[in-house]
Amino acid sequence: VFCTAAWKKALEGGEQSKVHFLADWNGQFTKGFD
């Protein structure tokens, strides 16, 4: 989550955006989506 939060801040417009940057820290969501 530290990485995804920093990435959002680093991208132009990211900090003001309502786009959600989410950490799938253990890959469980990604596994669930195969």
Full PDB file with SEQRES, HELIX, SHEET, SSBOND, CRYST1, ORIGX, SCALE, CONECT and MASTER records, all heavy atoms in Angstrom:
SEQRES   1 A   34  VAL PHE CYS THR ALA ALA TRP LYS LYS ALA LEU GLU GLY          
SEQRES   2 A   34  GLY GLU GLN SER LYS VAL HIS PHE LEU ALA ASP TRP ASN          
SEQRES   3 A   34  GLY GLN PHE THR LYS GLY PHE ASP                              
HELIX    1 AA1 PHE A    2  ALA A   10  1                                   9    
HELIX    2 AA2 GLN A   28  GLY A   32  1                                   5    
CRYST1    1.000    1.000    1.000  90.00  90.00  90.00 P 1           1          
ORIGX1      1.000000  0.000000  0.000000        0.00000                         
ORIGX2      0.000000  1.000000  0.000000        0.00000                         
ORIGX3      0.000000  0.000000  1.000000        0.00000                         
SCALE1      1.000000  0.000000  0.000000        0.00000                         
SCALE2      0.000000  1.000000  0.000000        0.00000                         
SCALE3      0.000000  0.000000  1.000000        0.00000                         
ATOM      1  N   VAL A   1       0.810  -1.211   0.000  1.00  0.00           N  
ATOM      2  CA  VAL A   1       0.000   0.000   0.000  1.00  0.00           C  
ATOM      3  C   VAL A   1       0.855   1.278   0.000  1.00  0.00           C  
ATOM      4  O   VAL A   1       0.448   2.301  -0.536  1.00  0.00           O  
ATOM      5  CB  VAL A   1      -1.009  -0.013   1.172  1.00  0.00           C  
ATOM      6  CG1 VAL A   1      -0.312   0.160   2.503  1.00  0.00           C  
ATOM      7  CG2 VAL A   1      -2.106   1.020   0.964  1.00  0.00           C  
ATOM      8  N   PHE A   2       2.044   1.221   0.559  1.00  0.00           N  
ATOM      9  CA  PHE A   2       2.917   2.398   0.538  1.00  0.00           C  
ATOM     10  C   PHE A   2       3.327   2.711  -0.899  1.00  0.00           C  
ATOM     11  O   PHE A   2       3.397   3.870  -1.304  1.00  0.00           O  
ATOM     12  CB  PHE A   2       4.148   2.177   1.422  1.00  0.00           C  
ATOM     13  CG  PHE A   2       3.800   1.933   2.860  1.00  0.00           C  
ATOM     14  CD1 PHE A   2       3.922   0.662   3.397  1.00  0.00           C  
ATOM     15  CD2 PHE A   2       3.338   2.958   3.670  1.00  0.00           C  
ATOM     16  CE1 PHE A   2       3.592   0.417   4.723  1.00  0.00           C  
ATOM     17  CE2 PHE A   2       3.002   2.727   4.997  1.00  0.00           C  
ATOM     18  CZ  PHE A   2       3.133   1.444   5.523  1.00  0.00           C  
ATOM     19  N   CYS A   3       3.597   1.670  -1.651  1.00  0.00           N  
ATOM     20  CA  CYS A   3       4.000   1.815  -3.048  1.00  0.00           C  
ATOM     21  C   CYS A   3       2.852   2.370  -3.901  1.00  0.00           C  
ATOM     22  O   CYS A   3       3.045   3.305  -4.670  1.00  0.00           O  
ATOM     23  CB  CYS A   3       4.475   0.463  -3.572  1.00  0.00           C  
ATOM     24  SG  CYS A   3       5.194   0.530  -5.208  1.00  0.00           S  
ATOM     25  N   THR A   4       1.653   1.809  -3.771  1.00  0.00           N  
ATOM     26  CA  THR A   4       0.530   2.289  -4.589  1.00  0.00           C  
ATOM     27  C   THR A   4       0.147   3.717  -4.210  1.00  0.00           C  
ATOM     28  O   THR A   4      -0.194   4.519  -5.081  1.00  0.00           O  
ATOM     29  CB  THR A   4      -0.690   1.343  -4.498  1.00  0.00           C  
ATOM     30  OG1 THR A   4      -1.060   1.167  -3.137  1.00  0.00           O  
ATOM     31  CG2 THR A   4      -0.397   0.005  -5.150  1.00  0.00           C  
ATOM     32  N   ALA A   5       0.217   4.057  -2.936  1.00  0.00           N  
ATOM     33  CA  ALA A   5      -0.096   5.425  -2.507  1.00  0.00           C  
ATOM     34  C   ALA A   5       0.934   6.419  -3.048  1.00  0.00           C  
ATOM     35  O   ALA A   5       0.574   7.503  -3.539  1.00  0.00           O  
ATOM     36  CB  ALA A   5      -0.162   5.503  -0.982  1.00  0.00           C  
ATOM     37  N   ALA A   6       2.207   6.054  -3.004  1.00  0.00           N  
ATOM     38  CA  ALA A   6       3.260   6.931  -3.529  1.00  0.00           C  
ATOM     39  C   ALA A   6       3.140   7.079  -5.045  1.00  0.00           C  
ATOM     40  O   ALA A   6       3.377   8.160  -5.589  1.00  0.00           O  
ATOM     41  CB  ALA A   6       4.633   6.381  -3.157  1.00  0.00           C  
ATOM     42  N   TRP A   7       2.761   6.005  -5.716  1.00  0.00           N  
ATOM     43  CA  TRP A   7       2.594   6.049  -7.178  1.00  0.00           C  
ATOM     44  C   TRP A   7       1.482   7.014  -7.557  1.00  0.00           C  
ATOM     45  O   TRP A   7       1.634   7.819  -8.468  1.00  0.00           O  
ATOM     46  CB  TRP A   7       2.321   4.642  -7.679  1.00  0.00           C  
ATOM     47  CG  TRP A   7       2.318   4.447  -9.155  1.00  0.00           C  
ATOM     48  CD1 TRP A   7       3.134   5.060 -10.079  1.00  0.00           C  
ATOM     49  CD2 TRP A   7       1.488   3.570  -9.906  1.00  0.00           C  
ATOM     50  NE1 TRP A   7       2.839   4.600 -11.343  1.00  0.00           N  
ATOM     51  CE2 TRP A   7       1.833   3.681 -11.250  1.00  0.00           C  
ATOM     52  CE3 TRP A   7       0.481   2.684  -9.543  1.00  0.00           C  
ATOM     53  CZ2 TRP A   7       1.211   2.953 -12.259  1.00  0.00           C  
ATOM     54  CZ3 TRP A   7      -0.135   1.943 -10.534  1.00  0.00           C  
ATOM     55  CH2 TRP A   7       0.233   2.087 -11.876  1.00  0.00           C  
ATOM     56  N   LYS A   8       0.361   6.959  -6.844  1.00  0.00           N  
ATOM     57  CA  LYS A   8      -0.746   7.882  -7.130  1.00  0.00           C  
ATOM     58  C   LYS A   8      -0.270   9.331  -6.982  1.00  0.00           C  
ATOM     59  O   LYS A   8      -0.558  10.168  -7.825  1.00  0.00           O  
ATOM     60  CB  LYS A   8      -1.929   7.616  -6.198  1.00  0.00           C  
ATOM     61  CG  LYS A   8      -3.086   8.571  -6.452  1.00  0.00           C  
ATOM     62  CD  LYS A   8      -4.299   8.258  -5.613  1.00  0.00           C  
ATOM     63  CE  LYS A   8      -5.422   9.223  -5.969  1.00  0.00           C  
ATOM     64  NZ  LYS A   8      -6.693   8.850  -5.350  1.00  0.00           N  
ATOM     65  N   LYS A   9       0.477   9.616  -5.928  1.00  0.00           N  
ATOM     66  CA  LYS A   9       0.979  10.980  -5.700  1.00  0.00           C  
ATOM     67  C   LYS A   9       1.973  11.401  -6.778  1.00  0.00           C  
ATOM     68  O   LYS A   9       2.039  12.566  -7.142  1.00  0.00           O  
ATOM     69  CB  LYS A   9       1.637  11.081  -4.326  1.00  0.00           C  
ATOM     70  CG  LYS A   9       0.652  11.061  -3.199  1.00  0.00           C  
ATOM     71  CD  LYS A   9       1.349  11.143  -1.860  1.00  0.00           C  
ATOM     72  CE  LYS A   9       0.329  11.027  -0.747  1.00  0.00           C  
ATOM     73  NZ  LYS A   9       0.949  10.982   0.573  1.00  0.00           N  
ATOM     74  N   ALA A  10       2.751  10.445  -7.288  1.00  0.00           N  
ATOM     75  CA  ALA A  10       3.789  10.755  -8.270  1.00  0.00           C  
ATOM     76  C   ALA A  10       3.239  10.997  -9.676  1.00  0.00           C  
ATOM     77  O   ALA A  10       3.867  11.711 -10.462  1.00  0.00           O  
ATOM     78  CB  ALA A  10       4.813   9.619  -8.320  1.00  0.00           C  
ATOM     79  N   LEU A  11       2.089  10.420  -9.982  1.00  0.00           N  
ATOM     80  CA  LEU A  11       1.525  10.599 -11.326  1.00  0.00           C  
ATOM     81  C   LEU A  11       0.861  11.959 -11.452  1.00  0.00           C  
ATOM     82  O   LEU A  11       0.155  12.395 -10.540  1.00  0.00           O  
ATOM     83  CB  LEU A  11       0.503   9.500 -11.627  1.00  0.00           C  
ATOM     84  CG  LEU A  11       1.066   8.095 -11.807  1.00  0.00           C  
ATOM     85  CD1 LEU A  11      -0.065   7.086 -11.971  1.00  0.00           C  
ATOM     86  CD2 LEU A  11       2.008   8.026 -12.999  1.00  0.00           C  
ATOM     87  N   GLU A  12       1.074  12.616 -12.572  1.00  0.00           N  
ATOM     88  CA  GLU A  12       0.472  13.924 -12.797  1.00  0.00           C  
ATOM     89  C   GLU A  12      -1.043  13.835 -12.682  1.00  0.00           C  
ATOM     90  O   GLU A  12      -1.688  13.040 -13.348  1.00  0.00           O  
ATOM     91  CB  GLU A  12       0.849  14.444 -14.180  1.00  0.00           C  
ATOM     92  CG  GLU A  12       0.365  15.852 -14.423  1.00  0.00           C  
ATOM     93  CD  GLU A  12       0.827  16.406 -15.752  1.00  0.00           C  
ATOM     94  OE1 GLU A  12       1.862  15.954 -16.275  1.00  0.00           O  
ATOM     95  OE2 GLU A  12       0.143  17.290 -16.259  1.00  0.00           O  
ATOM     96  N   GLY A  13      -1.603  14.644 -11.792  1.00  0.00           N  
ATOM     97  CA  GLY A  13      -3.042  14.666 -11.577  1.00  0.00           C  
ATOM     98  C   GLY A  13      -3.544  13.581 -10.648  1.00  0.00           C  
ATOM     99  O   GLY A  13      -4.706  13.578 -10.254  1.00  0.00           O  
ATOM    100  N   GLY A  14      -2.690  12.648 -10.290  1.00  0.00           N  
ATOM    101  CA  GLY A  14      -3.097  11.514  -9.469  1.00  0.00           C  
ATOM    102  C   GLY A  14      -3.629  11.901  -8.103  1.00  0.00           C  
ATOM    103  O   GLY A  14      -4.638  11.372  -7.652  1.00  0.00           O  
ATOM    104  N   GLU A  15      -2.933  12.829  -7.450  1.00  0.00           N  
ATOM    105  CA  GLU A  15      -3.327  13.200  -6.090  1.00  0.00           C  
ATOM    106  C   GLU A  15      -4.707  13.843  -6.040  1.00  0.00           C  
ATOM    107  O   GLU A  15      -5.448  13.660  -5.088  1.00  0.00           O  
ATOM    108  CB  GLU A  15      -2.286  14.154  -5.487  1.00  0.00           C  
ATOM    109  CG  GLU A  15      -1.756  13.629  -4.202  1.00  0.00           C  
ATOM    110  CD  GLU A  15      -0.713  14.540  -3.596  1.00  0.00           C  
ATOM    111  OE1 GLU A  15      -0.015  15.271  -4.306  1.00  0.00           O  
ATOM    112  OE2 GLU A  15      -0.618  14.493  -2.365  1.00  0.00           O  
ATOM    113  N   GLN A  16      -5.081  14.587  -7.082  1.00  0.00           N  
ATOM    114  CA  GLN A  16      -6.385  15.245  -7.115  1.00  0.00           C  
ATOM    115  C   GLN A  16      -7.475  14.341  -7.682  1.00  0.00           C  
ATOM    116  O   GLN A  16      -8.646  14.647  -7.612  1.00  0.00           O  
ATOM    117  CB  GLN A  16      -6.326  16.525  -7.964  1.00  0.00           C  
ATOM    118  CG  GLN A  16      -5.428  17.611  -7.414  1.00  0.00           C  
ATOM    119  CD  GLN A  16      -3.952  17.341  -7.679  1.00  0.00           C  
ATOM    120  OE1 GLN A  16      -3.579  16.763  -8.683  1.00  0.00           O  
ATOM    121  NE2 GLN A  16      -3.100  17.744  -6.751  1.00  0.00           N  
ATOM    122  N   SER A  17      -7.092  13.230  -8.230  1.00  0.00           N  
ATOM    123  CA  SER A  17      -8.012  12.329  -8.915  1.00  0.00           C  
ATOM    124  C   SER A  17      -8.849  11.517  -7.934  1.00  0.00           C  
ATOM    125  O   SER A  17      -8.445  11.259  -6.809  1.00  0.00           O  
ATOM    126  CB  SER A  17      -7.201  11.375  -9.794  1.00  0.00           C  
ATOM    127  OG  SER A  17      -8.019  10.376 -10.317  1.00  0.00           O  
ATOM    128  N   LYS A  18     -10.027  11.099  -8.407  1.00  0.00           N  
ATOM    129  CA  LYS A  18     -10.867  10.184  -7.641  1.00  0.00           C  
ATOM    130  C   LYS A  18     -10.597   8.727  -8.029  1.00  0.00           C  
ATOM    131  O   LYS A  18     -11.240   7.819  -7.520  1.00  0.00           O  
ATOM    132  CB  LYS A  18     -12.341  10.521  -7.851  1.00  0.00           C  
ATOM    133  CG  LYS A  18     -12.754  11.839  -7.210  1.00  0.00           C  
ATOM    134  CD  LYS A  18     -14.248  12.015  -7.264  1.00  0.00           C  
ATOM    135  CE  LYS A  18     -14.588  12.921  -8.418  1.00  0.00           C  
ATOM    136  NZ  LYS A  18     -16.014  13.110  -8.616  1.00  0.00           N  
ATOM    137  N   VAL A  19      -9.630   8.498  -8.933  1.00  0.00           N  
ATOM    138  CA  VAL A  19      -9.246   7.143  -9.293  1.00  0.00           C  
ATOM    139  C   VAL A  19      -8.619   6.492  -8.054  1.00  0.00           C  
ATOM    140  O   VAL A  19      -7.784   7.101  -7.382  1.00  0.00           O  
ATOM    141  CB  VAL A  19      -8.261   7.125 -10.488  1.00  0.00           C  
ATOM    142  CG1 VAL A  19      -7.733   5.722 -10.744  1.00  0.00           C  
ATOM    143  CG2 VAL A  19      -8.933   7.681 -11.736  1.00  0.00           C  
ATOM    144  N   HIS A  20      -9.030   5.279  -7.757  1.00  0.00           N  
ATOM    145  CA  HIS A  20      -8.528   4.552  -6.589  1.00  0.00           C  
ATOM    146  C   HIS A  20      -7.325   3.701  -6.981  1.00  0.00           C  
ATOM    147  O   HIS A  20      -7.397   2.934  -7.937  1.00  0.00           O  
ATOM    148  CB  HIS A  20      -9.622   3.644  -6.023  1.00  0.00           C  
ATOM    149  CG  HIS A  20     -10.855   4.369  -5.629  1.00  0.00           C  
ATOM    150  ND1 HIS A  20     -11.032   4.919  -4.379  1.00  0.00           N  
ATOM    151  CD2 HIS A  20     -11.974   4.651  -6.332  1.00  0.00           C  
ATOM    152  CE1 HIS A  20     -12.209   5.504  -4.328  1.00  0.00           C  
ATOM    153  NE2 HIS A  20     -12.803   5.358  -5.501  1.00  0.00           N  
ATOM    154  N   PHE A  21      -6.245   3.824  -6.250  1.00  0.00           N  
ATOM    155  CA  PHE A  21      -5.042   3.018  -6.447  1.00  0.00           C  
ATOM    156  C   PHE A  21      -4.988   2.021  -5.294  1.00  0.00           C  
ATOM    157  O   PHE A  21      -4.776   2.411  -4.141  1.00  0.00           O  
ATOM    158  CB  PHE A  21      -3.792   3.903  -6.446  1.00  0.00           C  
ATOM    159  CG  PHE A  21      -3.624   4.718  -7.698  1.00  0.00           C  
ATOM    160  CD1 PHE A  21      -4.533   5.707  -8.039  1.00  0.00           C  
ATOM    161  CD2 PHE A  21      -2.546   4.490  -8.535  1.00  0.00           C  
ATOM    162  CE1 PHE A  21      -4.384   6.451  -9.198  1.00  0.00           C  
ATOM    163  CE2 PHE A  21      -2.371   5.237  -9.696  1.00  0.00           C  
ATOM    164  CZ  PHE A  21      -3.300   6.213 -10.027  1.00  0.00           C  
ATOM    165  N   LEU A  22      -5.204   0.758  -5.605  1.00  0.00           N  
ATOM    166  CA  LEU A  22      -5.368  -0.249  -4.560  1.00  0.00           C  
ATOM    167  C   LEU A  22      -4.233  -1.252  -4.549  1.00  0.00           C  
ATOM    168  O   LEU A  22      -3.760  -1.696  -5.590  1.00  0.00           O  
ATOM    169  CB  LEU A  22      -6.694  -0.987  -4.770  1.00  0.00           C  
ATOM    170  CG  LEU A  22      -7.942  -0.106  -4.822  1.00  0.00           C  
ATOM    171  CD1 LEU A  22      -9.175  -0.958  -5.047  1.00  0.00           C  
ATOM    172  CD2 LEU A  22      -8.082   0.744  -3.571  1.00  0.00           C  
ATOM    173  N   ALA A  23      -3.848  -1.621  -3.340  1.00  0.00           N  
ATOM    174  CA  ALA A  23      -2.787  -2.602  -3.132  1.00  0.00           C  
ATOM    175  C   ALA A  23      -3.406  -3.986  -2.955  1.00  0.00           C  
ATOM    176  O   ALA A  23      -4.179  -4.218  -2.024  1.00  0.00           O  
ATOM    177  CB  ALA A  23      -1.961  -2.238  -1.904  1.00  0.00           C  
ATOM    178  N   ASP A  24      -3.060  -4.866  -3.874  1.00  0.00           N  
ATOM    179  CA  ASP A  24      -3.383  -6.295  -3.753  1.00  0.00           C  
ATOM    180  C   ASP A  24      -2.115  -6.935  -3.206  1.00  0.00           C  
ATOM    181  O   ASP A  24      -1.429  -7.684  -3.882  1.00  0.00           O  
ATOM    182  CB  ASP A  24      -3.764  -6.845  -5.139  1.00  0.00           C  
ATOM    183  CG  ASP A  24      -4.160  -8.304  -5.127  1.00  0.00           C  
ATOM    184  OD1 ASP A  24      -4.471  -8.838  -4.046  1.00  0.00           O  
ATOM    185  OD2 ASP A  24      -4.161  -8.907  -6.221  1.00  0.00           O  
ATOM    186  N   TRP A  25      -1.788  -6.577  -1.985  1.00  0.00           N  
ATOM    187  CA  TRP A  25      -0.471  -6.844  -1.404  1.00  0.00           C  
ATOM    188  C   TRP A  25      -0.065  -8.307  -1.434  1.00  0.00           C  
ATOM    189  O   TRP A  25       1.113  -8.617  -1.533  1.00  0.00           O  
ATOM    190  CB  TRP A  25      -0.404  -6.280   0.011  1.00  0.00           C  
ATOM    191  CG  TRP A  25      -1.357  -6.954   0.961  1.00  0.00           C  
ATOM    192  CD1 TRP A  25      -2.684  -6.647   1.138  1.00  0.00           C  
ATOM    193  CD2 TRP A  25      -1.085  -8.046   1.814  1.00  0.00           C  
ATOM    194  NE1 TRP A  25      -3.242  -7.483   2.057  1.00  0.00           N  
ATOM    195  CE2 TRP A  25      -2.273  -8.363   2.493  1.00  0.00           C  
ATOM    196  CE3 TRP A  25       0.057  -8.798   2.079  1.00  0.00           C  
ATOM    197  CZ2 TRP A  25      -2.366  -9.393   3.412  1.00  0.00           C  
ATOM    198  CZ3 TRP A  25      -0.034  -9.826   3.002  1.00  0.00           C  
ATOM    199  CH2 TRP A  25      -1.223 -10.110   3.659  1.00  0.00           C  
ATOM    200  N   ASN A  26      -1.012  -9.240  -1.367  1.00  0.00           N  
ATOM    201  CA  ASN A  26      -0.646 -10.651  -1.385  1.00  0.00           C  
ATOM    202  C   ASN A  26      -1.122 -11.365  -2.653  1.00  0.00           C  
ATOM    203  O   ASN A  26      -1.013 -12.577  -2.763  1.00  0.00           O  
ATOM    204  CB  ASN A  26      -1.168 -11.371  -0.140  1.00  0.00           C  
ATOM    205  CG  ASN A  26      -2.686 -11.312  -0.031  1.00  0.00           C  
ATOM    206  OD1 ASN A  26      -3.375 -10.771  -0.894  1.00  0.00           O  
ATOM    207  ND2 ASN A  26      -3.213 -11.863   1.052  1.00  0.00           N  
ATOM    208  N   GLY A  27      -1.662 -10.609  -3.606  1.00  0.00           N  
ATOM    209  CA  GLY A  27      -2.071 -11.163  -4.887  1.00  0.00           C  
ATOM    210  C   GLY A  27      -3.371 -11.947  -4.870  1.00  0.00           C  
ATOM    211  O   GLY A  27      -3.715 -12.586  -5.863  1.00  0.00           O  
ATOM    212  N   GLN A  28      -4.125 -11.878  -3.793  1.00  0.00           N  
ATOM    213  CA  GLN A  28      -5.347 -12.669  -3.704  1.00  0.00           C  
ATOM    214  C   GLN A  28      -6.422 -12.220  -4.694  1.00  0.00           C  
ATOM    215  O   GLN A  28      -7.113 -13.055  -5.270  1.00  0.00           O  
ATOM    216  CB  GLN A  28      -5.902 -12.641  -2.271  1.00  0.00           C  
ATOM    217  CG  GLN A  28      -5.024 -13.370  -1.280  1.00  0.00           C  
ATOM    218  CD  GLN A  28      -4.776 -14.814  -1.680  1.00  0.00           C  
ATOM    219  OE1 GLN A  28      -5.708 -15.587  -1.885  1.00  0.00           O  
ATOM    220  NE2 GLN A  28      -3.515 -15.177  -1.829  1.00  0.00           N  
ATOM    221  N   PHE A  29      -6.557 -10.927  -4.908  1.00  0.00           N  
ATOM    222  CA  PHE A  29      -7.523 -10.452  -5.901  1.00  0.00           C  
ATOM    223  C   PHE A  29      -7.107 -10.921  -7.295  1.00  0.00           C  
ATOM    224  O   PHE A  29      -7.913 -11.438  -8.063  1.00  0.00           O  
ATOM    225  CB  PHE A  29      -7.632  -8.923  -5.865  1.00  0.00           C  
ATOM    226  CG  PHE A  29      -8.666  -8.380  -6.817  1.00  0.00           C  
ATOM    227  CD1 PHE A  29      -9.965  -8.190  -6.403  1.00  0.00           C  
ATOM    228  CD2 PHE A  29      -8.336  -8.068  -8.132  1.00  0.00           C  
ATOM    229  CE1 PHE A  29     -10.932  -7.710  -7.272  1.00  0.00           C  
ATOM    230  CE2 PHE A  29      -9.289  -7.588  -9.012  1.00  0.00           C  
ATOM    231  CZ  PHE A  29     -10.585  -7.407  -8.580  1.00  0.00           C  
ATOM    232  N   THR A  30      -5.842 -10.745  -7.598  1.00  0.00           N  
ATOM    233  CA  THR A  30      -5.310 -11.132  -8.910  1.00  0.00           C  
ATOM    234  C   THR A  30      -5.476 -12.630  -9.143  1.00  0.00           C  
ATOM    235  O   THR A  30      -5.864 -13.047 -10.242  1.00  0.00           O  
ATOM    236  CB  THR A  30      -3.844 -10.685  -9.025  1.00  0.00           C  
ATOM    237  OG1 THR A  30      -3.797  -9.257  -8.850  1.00  0.00           O  
ATOM    238  CG2 THR A  30      -3.242 -11.058 -10.351  1.00  0.00           C  
ATOM    239  N   LYS A  31      -5.220 -13.427  -8.133  1.00  0.00           N  
ATOM    240  CA  LYS A  31      -5.445 -14.875  -8.251  1.00  0.00           C  
ATOM    241  C   LYS A  31      -6.921 -15.163  -8.500  1.00  0.00           C  
ATOM    242  O   LYS A  31      -7.260 -16.011  -9.322  1.00  0.00           O  
ATOM    243  CB  LYS A  31      -4.983 -15.598  -6.990  1.00  0.00           C  
ATOM    244  CG  LYS A  31      -3.489 -15.677  -6.827  1.00  0.00           C  
ATOM    245  CD  LYS A  31      -3.131 -16.332  -5.492  1.00  0.00           C  
ATOM    246  CE  LYS A  31      -1.660 -16.195  -5.187  1.00  0.00           C  
ATOM    247  NZ  LYS A  31      -1.341 -16.640  -3.816  1.00  0.00           N  
ATOM    248  N   GLY A  32      -7.805 -14.467  -7.798  1.00  0.00           N  
ATOM    249  CA  GLY A  32      -9.243 -14.668  -7.947  1.00  0.00           C  
ATOM    250  C   GLY A  32      -9.756 -14.305  -9.325  1.00  0.00           C  
ATOM    251  O   GLY A  32     -10.777 -14.824  -9.778  1.00  0.00           O  
ATOM    252  N   PHE A  33      -9.058 -13.420 -10.005  1.00  0.00           N  
ATOM    253  CA  PHE A  33      -9.410 -13.017 -11.373  1.00  0.00           C  
ATOM    254  C   PHE A  33      -8.627 -13.846 -12.391  1.00  0.00           C  
ATOM    255  O   PHE A  33      -8.692 -13.582 -13.578  1.00  0.00           O  
ATOM    256  CB  PHE A  33      -9.117 -11.528 -11.571  1.00  0.00           C  
ATOM    257  CG  PHE A  33     -10.317 -10.673 -11.856  1.00  0.00           C  
ATOM    258  CD1 PHE A  33     -11.608 -11.108 -11.651  1.00  0.00           C  
ATOM    259  CD2 PHE A  33     -10.141  -9.381 -12.329  1.00  0.00           C  
ATOM    260  CE1 PHE A  33     -12.700 -10.293 -11.913  1.00  0.00           C  
ATOM    261  CE2 PHE A  33     -11.228  -8.557 -12.598  1.00  0.00           C  
ATOM    262  CZ  PHE A  33     -12.505  -9.019 -12.386  1.00  0.00           C  
ATOM    263  N   ASP A  34      -7.872 -14.828 -11.920  1.00  0.00           N  
ATOM    264  CA  ASP A  34      -7.062 -15.699 -12.777  1.00  0.00           C  
ATOM    265  C   ASP A  34      -6.188 -14.862 -13.715  1.00  0.00           C  
ATOM    266  O   ASP A  34      -6.105 -15.120 -14.912  1.00  0.00           O  
ATOM    267  CB  ASP A  34      -7.957 -16.656 -13.570  1.00  0.00           C  
ATOM    268  CG  ASP A  34      -7.162 -17.767 -14.255  1.00  0.00           C  
ATOM    269  OD1 ASP A  34      -6.069 -18.108 -13.761  1.00  0.00           O  
ATOM    270  OD2 ASP A  34      -7.627 -18.269 -15.292  1.00  0.00           O  
TER     271      ASP A  34                                                      
MASTER        0    0    0    2    0    0    0    6  270    1    0    3          
END                                                                             
